[in-house]
Protein backbone atom coordinates (compact mmCIF):
# COMPACT_ATOMS: atom_id res chain seq x y z
CA MET A 1 -29.49 4.38 44.05
CA LYS A 2 -25.77 4.85 41.35
CA ILE A 3 -22.54 4.34 43.31
CA GLY A 4 -19.81 7.02 41.31
CA LYS A 5 -19.48 7.44 38.64
CA GLU A 6 -20.18 3.82 36.29
CA PRO A 7 -17.14 2.19 35.42
CA THR A 8 -16.23 1.09 32.08
CA VAL A 9 -16.37 -2.20 30.97
CA ASN A 10 -14.14 -3.64 28.58
CA ILE A 11 -16.07 -6.93 27.21
CA ASN A 12 -13.73 -8.21 24.18
CA LYS A 13 -16.04 -7.64 21.88
CA SER A 14 -13.66 -10.62 19.69
CA TYR A 15 -15.09 -12.88 22.61
CA ILE A 16 -18.34 -11.97 21.77
CA GLN A 17 -18.00 -11.90 17.86
CA GLN A 18 -16.37 -16.16 18.14
CA ALA A 19 -20.03 -17.41 19.46
CA PHE A 20 -21.97 -16.67 17.91
CA LYS A 21 -19.85 -17.59 15.23
CA GLY A 22 -19.25 -20.83 16.32
CA ALA A 23 -22.68 -20.98 16.64
CA LYS A 24 -23.48 -20.06 13.28
CA VAL A 25 -25.35 -17.00 13.75
CA GLN A 26 -25.02 -13.58 12.16
CA LEU A 27 -24.62 -10.82 15.15
CA SER A 28 -25.54 -7.35 13.70
CA LYS A 29 -23.04 -3.55 14.90
CA GLU A 30 -26.55 -3.09 16.52
CA ALA A 31 -27.08 -6.24 17.98
CA GLU A 32 -23.20 -6.42 19.51
CA THR A 33 -23.60 -2.77 20.54
CA HIS A 34 -27.00 -3.81 22.88
CA LEU A 35 -25.24 -6.80 24.06
CA ILE A 36 -22.00 -5.19 25.90
CA HIS A 37 -24.93 -2.52 27.25
CA HIS A 38 -27.51 -5.54 28.73
CA LEU A 39 -24.23 -6.49 30.02
CA ARG A 40 -22.36 -3.74 31.60
CA LYS A 41 -25.97 -2.35 33.28
CA TYR A 42 -25.85 -6.38 34.75
CA ILE A 43 -22.68 -6.50 35.86
CA SER A 44 -23.89 -3.01 37.98
CA MET A 45 -26.53 -3.99 38.91
CA VAL A 46 -24.11 -7.09 40.85
CA ALA A 47 -21.68 -4.50 41.95
CA LEU A 48 -25.08 -2.55 43.74
CA ARG A 49 -26.47 -5.56 44.92
CA CYS A 50 -23.00 -6.35 46.70
CA ASN A 51 -23.46 -2.09 47.61
CA ARG A 52 -26.86 -3.38 48.93
CA TYR A 53 -26.16 -6.44 51.23
CA ASN A 54 -22.81 -5.46 52.00
CA ILE A 55 -20.51 -7.47 51.31
CA LYS A 56 -16.87 -6.60 50.55
CA ARG A 57 -15.36 -9.19 48.70
CA LEU A 58 -16.70 -11.00 45.83
CA THR A 59 -15.96 -14.51 46.47
CA THR A 60 -17.67 -18.14 45.12
CA ASP A 61 -18.84 -18.71 48.06
CA PRO A 62 -22.55 -19.49 46.81
CA LYS A 63 -24.82 -17.80 49.49
CA LEU A 64 -22.79 -14.74 48.28
CA LEU A 65 -23.40 -15.36 44.76
CA GLY A 66 -26.66 -15.69 44.86
CA TYR A 67 -27.27 -12.84 46.52
CA ALA A 68 -25.26 -10.82 44.27
CA LEU A 69 -26.74 -12.36 41.28
CA GLY A 70 -30.14 -11.72 42.87
CA ASP A 71 -31.31 -14.85 43.58
CA ILE A 72 -31.76 -14.53 47.23
CA ASN A 73 -34.40 -11.60 48.98
CA SER A 74 -33.06 -9.73 52.09
CA LYS A 75 -35.08 -12.37 54.14
CA GLY A 76 -32.43 -15.32 52.66
CA GLU A 77 -34.94 -16.93 50.79
CA ALA A 78 -34.69 -18.81 47.12
CA ASN A 79 -36.26 -15.68 45.37
CA ALA A 80 -38.31 -18.36 42.16
CA ARG A 81 -37.34 -17.76 38.84
């Protein structure tokens, strides 16, 4: 299920690079591209869950975040991790 055109997500590359540099881990351009792709996909999944559960405004309400992040299923039960 896709909703419209996939939105452009501007992930700050310098933040990613600094995070890995701070952890003293070298990050190749290919790995950086893969991470950005993965983050975009994750954000799109969260948006689709909001649509599925009819969440019109995502706030820091723990229950709403639980649905959006996939921690709570459609029956209101916590998912095992």
